[in-house]
Amino acid sequence: MNTTSQSGIWFRHRTPSWFSVKKLLFGLVILSLVLHKSDGQEQQVEDDYWCIADEQFTDEELQNAMNWACNNGADCTALQPNQACFVPNTIKDHASYAFNSYYQKMKHKGGSCYFSAAAVLTGLDPSKPKKKKHHLHSNHDSIIIQLFPKSH
Protein backbone atom coordinates (compact mmCIF):
# COMPACT_ATOMS: atom_id res chain seq x y z
CA MET A 1 0.00 0.00 0.00
CA ASN A 2 1.32 3.43 -0.95
CA THR A 3 0.66 6.65 0.90
CA THR A 4 0.82 10.19 -0.49
CA SER A 5 0.07 13.62 0.86
CA GLN A 6 -2.06 16.28 -0.77
CA SER A 7 -2.47 19.50 1.21
CA GLY A 8 -1.40 17.77 4.38
CA ILE A 9 -3.99 14.97 4.08
CA TRP A 10 -2.59 11.51 3.76
CA PHE A 11 -4.22 9.09 1.31
CA ARG A 12 -3.74 5.40 1.10
CA HIS A 13 -3.70 4.02 -2.43
CA ARG A 14 -4.42 0.45 -2.94
CA THR A 15 -2.94 -1.21 -5.96
CA PRO A 16 -5.67 -3.35 -7.55
CA SER A 17 -4.99 -7.00 -7.11
CA TRP A 18 -5.09 -9.41 -10.04
CA PHE A 19 -8.11 -11.03 -8.35
CA SER A 20 -10.07 -7.74 -8.49
CA VAL A 21 -9.23 -7.26 -12.16
CA LYS A 22 -10.39 -10.82 -12.93
CA LYS A 23 -13.69 -10.21 -11.11
CA LEU A 24 -14.26 -7.03 -13.12
CA LEU A 25 -13.49 -8.75 -16.44
CA PHE A 26 -15.71 -11.71 -15.52
CA GLY A 27 -18.58 -9.33 -14.74
CA LEU A 28 -18.17 -7.56 -18.08
CA VAL A 29 -18.18 -10.87 -19.96
CA ILE A 30 -21.37 -11.99 -18.18
CA LEU A 31 -23.03 -8.64 -18.87
CA SER A 32 -22.17 -8.81 -22.58
CA LEU A 33 -23.55 -12.36 -22.81
CA VAL A 34 -26.80 -11.35 -21.13
CA LEU A 35 -27.21 -8.38 -23.46
CA HIS A 36 -26.39 -10.50 -26.51
CA LYS A 37 -28.85 -13.22 -25.47
CA SER A 38 -31.67 -10.73 -24.90
CA ASP A 39 -31.17 -9.31 -28.40
CA GLY A 40 -31.53 -12.82 -29.85
CA GLN A 41 -34.67 -13.46 -27.83
CA GLU A 42 -36.24 -10.24 -29.08
CA GLN A 43 -35.46 -11.29 -32.64
CA GLN A 44 -37.02 -14.69 -32.02
CA VAL A 45 -40.20 -13.07 -30.74
CA GLU A 46 -40.38 -10.73 -33.74
CA ASP A 47 -40.09 -13.69 -36.12
CA ASP A 48 -43.07 -15.40 -34.48
CA TYR A 49 -45.63 -12.96 -35.89
CA TRP A 50 -47.70 -13.08 -39.05
CA CYS A 51 -49.50 -10.23 -40.79
CA ILE A 52 -53.10 -11.05 -41.70
CA ALA A 53 -56.17 -9.23 -42.98
CA ASP A 54 -58.38 -7.57 -40.40
CA GLU A 55 -61.83 -9.15 -40.76
CA GLN A 56 -63.52 -5.82 -39.95
CA PHE A 57 -62.59 -4.37 -43.34
CA THR A 58 -64.66 -4.65 -46.50
CA ASP A 59 -63.57 -6.78 -49.44
CA GLU A 60 -63.00 -3.61 -51.46
CA GLU A 61 -60.66 -2.17 -48.81
CA LEU A 62 -58.80 -5.48 -48.50
CA GLN A 63 -58.52 -5.77 -52.31
CA ASN A 64 -57.00 -2.28 -52.57
CA ALA A 65 -54.52 -3.01 -49.79
CA MET A 66 -53.68 -6.39 -51.34
CA ASN A 67 -53.05 -4.77 -54.72
CA TRP A 68 -50.61 -2.38 -53.07
CA ALA A 69 -48.82 -5.23 -51.28
CA CYS A 70 -48.55 -7.32 -54.46
CA ASN A 71 -47.15 -4.34 -56.39
CA ASN A 72 -44.64 -3.37 -53.68
CA GLY A 73 -42.77 -6.51 -52.69
CA ALA A 74 -45.21 -9.29 -51.79
CA ASP A 75 -44.87 -12.48 -53.84
CA CYS A 76 -48.46 -13.06 -54.95
CA THR A 77 -47.80 -15.72 -57.58
CA ALA A 78 -49.12 -18.47 -55.25
CA LEU A 79 -52.53 -16.73 -55.29
CA GLN A 80 -53.09 -17.28 -59.01
CA PRO A 81 -55.57 -19.96 -60.19
CA ASN A 82 -54.14 -23.49 -60.00
CA GLN A 83 -51.37 -22.35 -57.63
CA ALA A 84 -50.66 -23.51 -54.07
CA CYS A 85 -52.59 -20.83 -52.15
CA PHE A 86 -55.43 -20.01 -54.54
CA VAL A 87 -57.90 -21.99 -52.40
CA PRO A 88 -59.69 -20.80 -50.40
CA ASN A 89 -60.48 -18.22 -53.03
CA THR A 90 -61.60 -15.35 -50.81
CA ILE A 91 -60.42 -11.77 -50.70
CA LYS A 92 -59.68 -12.10 -46.97
CA ASP A 93 -57.52 -15.20 -47.39
CA HIS A 94 -55.68 -13.83 -50.41
CA ALA A 95 -55.13 -10.47 -48.67
CA SER A 96 -53.76 -12.26 -45.60
CA TYR A 97 -51.30 -14.18 -47.78
CA ALA A 98 -50.20 -11.01 -49.61
CA PHE A 99 -49.89 -8.96 -46.41
CA ASN A 100 -47.80 -11.63 -44.73
CA SER A 101 -45.60 -12.12 -47.79
CA TYR A 102 -44.85 -8.40 -47.84
CA TYR A 103 -44.35 -8.19 -44.07
CA GLN A 104 -41.97 -11.17 -43.85
CA LYS A 105 -39.85 -9.82 -46.74
CA MET A 106 -39.82 -6.18 -45.69
CA LYS A 107 -39.98 -6.07 -41.86
CA HIS A 108 -36.19 -5.89 -41.53
CA LYS A 109 -36.06 -3.15 -44.17
CA GLY A 110 -38.56 -0.84 -42.51
CA GLY A 111 -41.76 -2.48 -43.82
CA SER A 112 -44.74 -2.82 -41.52
CA CYS A 113 -48.04 -4.65 -41.20
CA TYR A 114 -50.22 -1.58 -41.64
CA PHE A 115 -51.82 -1.54 -45.11
CA SER A 116 -54.06 1.45 -44.29
CA ALA A 117 -55.03 -0.31 -41.03
CA ALA A 118 -56.47 -3.28 -42.97
CA ALA A 119 -54.04 -5.76 -41.41
CA VAL A 120 -53.11 -6.97 -37.94
CA LEU A 121 -50.23 -8.93 -36.45
CA THR A 122 -50.97 -12.32 -34.94
CA GLY A 123 -48.91 -14.82 -33.00
CA LEU A 124 -50.90 -17.73 -34.50
CA ASP A 125 -49.42 -19.20 -37.66
CA PRO A 126 -52.25 -18.87 -40.22
CA SER A 127 -50.83 -21.66 -42.40
CA LYS A 128 -51.36 -24.25 -39.67
CA PRO A 129 -54.78 -25.55 -38.70
CA LYS A 130 -56.05 -23.98 -35.53
CA LYS A 131 -56.63 -26.18 -32.56
CA LYS A 132 -60.22 -26.43 -31.50
CA LYS A 133 -61.56 -23.00 -30.67
CA HIS A 134 -64.25 -22.66 -28.06
CA HIS A 135 -67.03 -20.14 -28.63
CA LEU A 136 -69.50 -19.60 -25.83
CA HIS A 137 -73.04 -18.52 -26.68
CA SER A 138 -75.51 -17.80 -23.92
CA ASN A 139 -79.09 -18.89 -24.50
CA HIS A 140 -80.89 -17.79 -21.31
CA ASP A 141 -80.62 -20.99 -19.24
CA SER A 142 -77.83 -22.81 -21.06
CA ILE A 143 -74.37 -22.29 -22.44
CA ILE A 144 -73.55 -23.99 -25.73
CA ILE A 145 -69.94 -24.75 -26.60
CA GLN A 146 -69.24 -24.97 -30.31
CA LEU A 147 -65.95 -26.29 -31.72
CA PHE A 148 -64.68 -24.79 -34.95
CA PRO A 149 -61.61 -26.20 -36.69
CA LYS A 150 -59.84 -23.70 -38.91
CA SER A 151 -60.16 -24.09 -42.64
CA HIS A 152 -56.96 -23.31 -44.63
C-alpha atoms as a PDB file:
ATOM      1  CA  MET A   1       0.000   0.000   0.000  1.00  0.00           C
ATOM      2  CA  ASN A   2       1.316   3.426  -0.950  1.00  0.00           C
ATOM      3  CA  THR A   3       0.665   6.653   0.904  1.00  0.00           C
ATOM      4  CA  THR A   4       0.818  10.186  -0.493  1.00  0.00           C
ATOM      5  CA  SER A   5       0.069  13.619   0.856  1.00  0.00           C
ATOM      6  CA  GLN A   6      -2.061  16.276  -0.773  1.00  0.00           C
ATOM      7  CA  SER A   7      -2.471  19.497   1.212  1.00  0.00           C
ATOM      8  CA  GLY A   8      -1.398  17.771   4.378  1.00  0.00           C
ATOM      9  CA  ILE A   9      -3.994  14.971   4.082  1.00  0.00           C
ATOM     10  CA  TRP A  10      -2.589  11.508   3.760  1.00  0.00           C
ATOM     11  CA  PHE A  11      -4.218   9.094   1.313  1.00  0.00           C
ATOM     12  CA  ARG A  12      -3.738   5.399   1.096  1.00  0.00           C
ATOM     13  CA  HIS A  13      -3.700   4.024  -2.429  1.00  0.00           C
ATOM     14  CA  ARG A  14      -4.417   0.447  -2.937  1.00  0.00           C
ATOM     15  CA  THR A  15      -2.937  -1.206  -5.963  1.00  0.00           C
ATOM     16  CA  PRO A  16      -5.668  -3.352  -7.547  1.00  0.00           C
ATOM     17  CA  SER A  17      -4.991  -7.002  -7.114  1.00  0.00           C
ATOM     18  CA  TRP A  18      -5.091  -9.414 -10.040  1.00  0.00           C
ATOM     19  CA  PHE A  19      -8.109 -11.034  -8.352  1.00  0.00           C
ATOM     20  CA  SER A  20     -10.074  -7.736  -8.487  1.00  0.00           C
ATOM     21  CA  VAL A  21      -9.225  -7.258 -12.162  1.00  0.00           C
ATOM     22  CA  LYS A  22     -10.393 -10.822 -12.930  1.00  0.00           C
ATOM     23  CA  LYS A  23     -13.694 -10.205 -11.114  1.00  0.00           C
ATOM     24  CA  LEU A  24     -14.262  -7.033 -13.123  1.00  0.00           C
ATOM     25  CA  LEU A  25     -13.493  -8.755 -16.435  1.00  0.00           C
ATOM     26  CA  PHE A  26     -15.708 -11.714 -15.521  1.00  0.00           C
ATOM     27  CA  GLY A  27     -18.577  -9.327 -14.735  1.00  0.00           C
ATOM     28  CA  LEU A  28     -18.174  -7.560 -18.079  1.00  0.00           C
ATOM     29  CA  VAL A  29     -18.179 -10.869 -19.962  1.00  0.00           C
ATOM     30  CA  ILE A  30     -21.365 -11.988 -18.181  1.00  0.00           C
ATOM     31  CA  LEU A  31     -23.034  -8.641 -18.875  1.00  0.00           C
ATOM     32  CA  SER A  32     -22.173  -8.813 -22.580  1.00  0.00           C
ATOM     33  CA  LEU A  33     -23.548 -12.364 -22.811  1.00  0.00           C
ATOM     34  CA  VAL A  34     -26.797 -11.351 -21.132  1.00  0.00           C
ATOM     35  CA  LEU A  35     -27.208  -8.377 -23.461  1.00  0.00           C
ATOM     36  CA  HIS A  36     -26.395 -10.498 -26.515  1.00  0.00           C
ATOM     37  CA  LYS A  37     -28.848 -13.218 -25.475  1.00  0.00           C
ATOM     38  CA  SER A  38     -31.670 -10.733 -24.897  1.00  0.00           C
ATOM     39  CA  ASP A  39     -31.168  -9.314 -28.404  1.00  0.00           C
ATOM     40  CA  GLY A  40     -31.526 -12.821 -29.846  1.00  0.00           C
ATOM     41  CA  GLN A  41     -34.667 -13.457 -27.827  1.00  0.00           C
ATOM     42  CA  GLU A  42     -36.238 -10.240 -29.079  1.00  0.00           C
ATOM     43  CA  GLN A  43     -35.457 -11.290 -32.638  1.00  0.00           C
ATOM     44  CA  GLN A  44     -37.019 -14.686 -32.023  1.00  0.00           C
ATOM     45  CA  VAL A  45     -40.197 -13.069 -30.738  1.00  0.00           C
ATOM     46  CA  GLU A  46     -40.383 -10.734 -33.737  1.00  0.00           C
ATOM     47  CA  ASP A  47     -40.094 -13.688 -36.118  1.00  0.00           C
ATOM     48  CA  ASP A  48     -43.069 -15.396 -34.477  1.00  0.00           C
ATOM     49  CA  TYR A  49     -45.632 -12.963 -35.887  1.00  0.00           C
ATOM     50  CA  TRP A  50     -47.698 -13.079 -39.052  1.00  0.00           C
ATOM     51  CA  CYS A  51     -49.496 -10.232 -40.787  1.00  0.00           C
ATOM     52  CA  ILE A  52     -53.097 -11.051 -41.697  1.00  0.00           C
ATOM     53  CA  ALA A  53     -56.174  -9.233 -42.984  1.00  0.00           C
ATOM     54  CA  ASP A  54     -58.383  -7.575 -40.399  1.00  0.00           C
ATOM     55  CA  GLU A  55     -61.832  -9.146 -40.757  1.00  0.00           C
ATOM     56  CA  GLN A  56     -63.523  -5.824 -39.951  1.00  0.00           C
ATOM     57  CA  PHE A  57     -62.585  -4.369 -43.342  1.00  0.00           C
ATOM     58  CA  THR A  58     -64.660  -4.653 -46.499  1.00  0.00           C
ATOM     59  CA  ASP A  59     -63.571  -6.783 -49.436  1.00  0.00           C
ATOM     60  CA  GLU A  60     -63.003  -3.606 -51.455  1.00  0.00           C
ATOM     61  CA  GLU A  61     -60.657  -2.172 -48.807  1.00  0.00           C
ATOM     62  CA  LEU A  62     -58.797  -5.480 -48.499  1.00  0.00           C
ATOM     63  CA  GLN A  63     -58.524  -5.770 -52.306  1.00  0.00           C
ATOM     64  CA  ASN A  64     -57.002  -2.279 -52.570  1.00  0.00           C
ATOM     65  CA  ALA A  65     -54.516  -3.007 -49.794  1.00  0.00           C
ATOM     66  CA  MET A  66     -53.678  -6.395 -51.336  1.00  0.00           C
ATOM     67  CA  ASN A  67     -53.051  -4.772 -54.723  1.00  0.00           C
ATOM     68  CA  TRP A  68     -50.614  -2.376 -53.069  1.00  0.00           C
ATOM     69  CA  ALA A  69     -48.820  -5.231 -51.276  1.00  0.00           C
ATOM     70  CA  CYS A  70     -48.546  -7.315 -54.461  1.00  0.00           C
ATOM     71  CA  ASN A  71     -47.151  -4.337 -56.385  1.00  0.00           C
ATOM     72  CA  ASN A  72     -44.643  -3.366 -53.679  1.00  0.00           C
ATOM     73  CA  GLY A  73     -42.768  -6.506 -52.689  1.00  0.00           C
ATOM     74  CA  ALA A  74     -45.208  -9.285 -51.795  1.00  0.00           C
ATOM     75  CA  ASP A  75     -44.869 -12.483 -53.843  1.00  0.00           C
ATOM     76  CA  CYS A  76     -48.457 -13.060 -54.946  1.00  0.00           C
ATOM     77  CA  THR A  77     -47.797 -15.725 -57.578  1.00  0.00           C
ATOM     78  CA  ALA A  78     -49.122 -18.470 -55.249  1.00  0.00           C
ATOM     79  CA  LEU A  79     -52.530 -16.727 -55.292  1.00  0.00           C
ATOM     80  CA  GLN A  80     -53.088 -17.276 -59.012  1.00  0.00           C
ATOM     81  CA  PRO A  81     -55.568 -19.956 -60.191  1.00  0.00           C
ATOM     82  CA  ASN A  82     -54.136 -23.493 -59.996  1.00  0.00           C
ATOM     83  CA  GLN A  83     -51.373 -22.345 -57.634  1.00  0.00           C
ATOM     84  CA  ALA A  84     -50.662 -23.515 -54.070  1.00  0.00           C
ATOM     85  CA  CYS A  85     -52.585 -20.832 -52.150  1.00  0.00           C
ATOM     86  CA  PHE A  86     -55.428 -20.008 -54.541  1.00  0.00           C
ATOM     87  CA  VAL A  87     -57.900 -21.994 -52.398  1.00  0.00           C
ATOM     88  CA  PRO A  88     -59.689 -20.798 -50.396  1.00  0.00           C
ATOM     89  CA  ASN A  89     -60.481 -18.224 -53.030  1.00  0.00           C
ATOM     90  CA  THR A  90     -61.602 -15.350 -50.815  1.00  0.00           C
ATOM     91  CA  ILE A  91     -60.417 -11.766 -50.704  1.00  0.00           C
ATOM     92  CA  LYS A  92     -59.678 -12.098 -46.974  1.00  0.00           C
ATOM     93  CA  ASP A  93     -57.516 -15.200 -47.386  1.00  0.00           C
ATOM     94  CA  HIS A  94     -55.684 -13.827 -50.413  1.00  0.00           C
ATOM     95  CA  ALA A  95     -55.129 -10.469 -48.674  1.00  0.00           C
ATOM     96  CA  SER A  96     -53.755 -12.257 -45.600  1.00  0.00           C
ATOM     97  CA  TYR A  97     -51.299 -14.178 -47.777  1.00  0.00           C
ATOM     98  CA  ALA A  98     -50.195 -11.014 -49.615  1.00  0.00           C
ATOM     99  CA  PHE A  99     -49.894  -8.961 -46.412  1.00  0.00           C
ATOM    100  CA  ASN A 100     -47.797 -11.631 -44.729  1.00  0.00           C
ATOM    101  CA  SER A 101     -45.599 -12.117 -47.791  1.00  0.00           C
ATOM    102  CA  TYR A 102     -44.855  -8.399 -47.844  1.00  0.00           C
ATOM    103  CA  TYR A 103     -44.348  -8.189 -44.067  1.00  0.00           C
ATOM    104  CA  GLN A 104     -41.970 -11.170 -43.853  1.00  0.00           C
ATOM    105  CA  LYS A 105     -39.852  -9.817 -46.735  1.00  0.00           C
ATOM    106  CA  MET A 106     -39.820  -6.184 -45.687  1.00  0.00           C
ATOM    107  CA  LYS A 107     -39.981  -6.068 -41.864  1.00  0.00           C
ATOM    108  CA  HIS A 108     -36.189  -5.890 -41.525  1.00  0.00           C
ATOM    109  CA  LYS A 109     -36.055  -3.152 -44.166  1.00  0.00           C
ATOM    110  CA  GLY A 110     -38.563  -0.842 -42.507  1.00  0.00           C
ATOM    111  CA  GLY A 111     -41.758  -2.476 -43.824  1.00  0.00           C
ATOM    112  CA  SER A 112     -44.743  -2.824 -41.524  1.00  0.00           C
ATOM    113  CA  CYS A 113     -48.043  -4.649 -41.203  1.00  0.00           C
ATOM    114  CA  TYR A 114     -50.218  -1.584 -41.636  1.00  0.00           C
ATOM    115  CA  PHE A 115     -51.819  -1.537 -45.115  1.00  0.00           C
ATOM    116  CA  SER A 116     -54.058   1.447 -44.292  1.00  0.00           C
ATOM    117  CA  ALA A 117     -55.034  -0.306 -41.034  1.00  0.00           C
ATOM    118  CA  ALA A 118     -56.472  -3.279 -42.974  1.00  0.00           C
ATOM    119  CA  ALA A 119     -54.035  -5.764 -41.409  1.00  0.00           C
ATOM    120  CA  VAL A 120     -53.112  -6.973 -37.944  1.00  0.00           C
ATOM    121  CA  LEU A 121     -50.230  -8.935 -36.454  1.00  0.00           C
ATOM    122  CA  THR A 122     -50.974 -12.325 -34.941  1.00  0.00           C
ATOM    123  CA  GLY A 123     -48.915 -14.822 -32.997  1.00  0.00           C
ATOM    124  CA  LEU A 124     -50.898 -17.729 -34.496  1.00  0.00           C
ATOM    125  CA  ASP A 125     -49.422 -19.201 -37.658  1.00  0.00           C
ATOM    126  CA  PRO A 126     -52.252 -18.869 -40.219  1.00  0.00           C
ATOM    127  CA  SER A 127     -50.831 -21.657 -42.395  1.00  0.00           C
ATOM    128  CA  LYS A 128     -51.362 -24.247 -39.666  1.00  0.00           C
ATOM    129  CA  PRO A 129     -54.784 -25.546 -38.695  1.00  0.00           C
ATOM    130  CA  LYS A 130     -56.050 -23.976 -35.527  1.00  0.00           C
ATOM    131  CA  LYS A 131     -56.629 -26.180 -32.561  1.00  0.00           C
ATOM    132  CA  LYS A 132     -60.217 -26.429 -31.500  1.00  0.00           C
ATOM    133  CA  LYS A 133     -61.556 -23.003 -30.667  1.00  0.00           C
ATOM    134  CA  HIS A 134     -64.254 -22.665 -28.064  1.00  0.00           C
ATOM    135  CA  HIS A 135     -67.026 -20.140 -28.626  1.00  0.00           C
ATOM    136  CA  LEU A 136     -69.499 -19.598 -25.827  1.00  0.00           C
ATOM    137  CA  HIS A 137     -73.043 -18.524 -26.680  1.00  0.00           C
ATOM    138  CA  SER A 138     -75.511 -17.801 -23.917  1.00  0.00           C
ATOM    139  CA  ASN A 139     -79.085 -18.889 -24.495  1.00  0.00           C
ATOM    140  CA  HIS A 140     -80.890 -17.794 -21.315  1.00  0.00           C
ATOM    141  CA  ASP A 141     -80.625 -20.985 -19.240  1.00  0.00           C
ATOM    142  CA  SER A 142     -77.830 -22.811 -21.059  1.00  0.00           C
ATOM    143  CA  ILE A 143     -74.373 -22.289 -22.444  1.00  0.00           C
ATOM    144  CA  ILE A 144     -73.553 -23.991 -25.728  1.00  0.00           C
ATOM    145  CA  ILE A 145     -69.937 -24.750 -26.599  1.00  0.00           C
ATOM    146  CA  GLN A 146     -69.237 -24.965 -30.311  1.00  0.00           C
ATOM    147  CA  LEU A 147     -65.953 -26.290 -31.716  1.00  0.00           C
ATOM    148  CA  PHE A 148     -64.682 -24.790 -34.948  1.00  0.00           C
ATOM    149  CA  PRO A 149     -61.606 -26.200 -36.688  1.00  0.00           C
ATOM    150  CA  LYS A 150     -59.838 -23.703 -38.906  1.00  0.00           C
ATOM    151  CA  SER A 151     -60.157 -24.085 -42.637  1.00  0.00           C
ATOM    152  CA  HIS A 152     -56.957 -23.311 -44.634  1.00  0.00           C
END
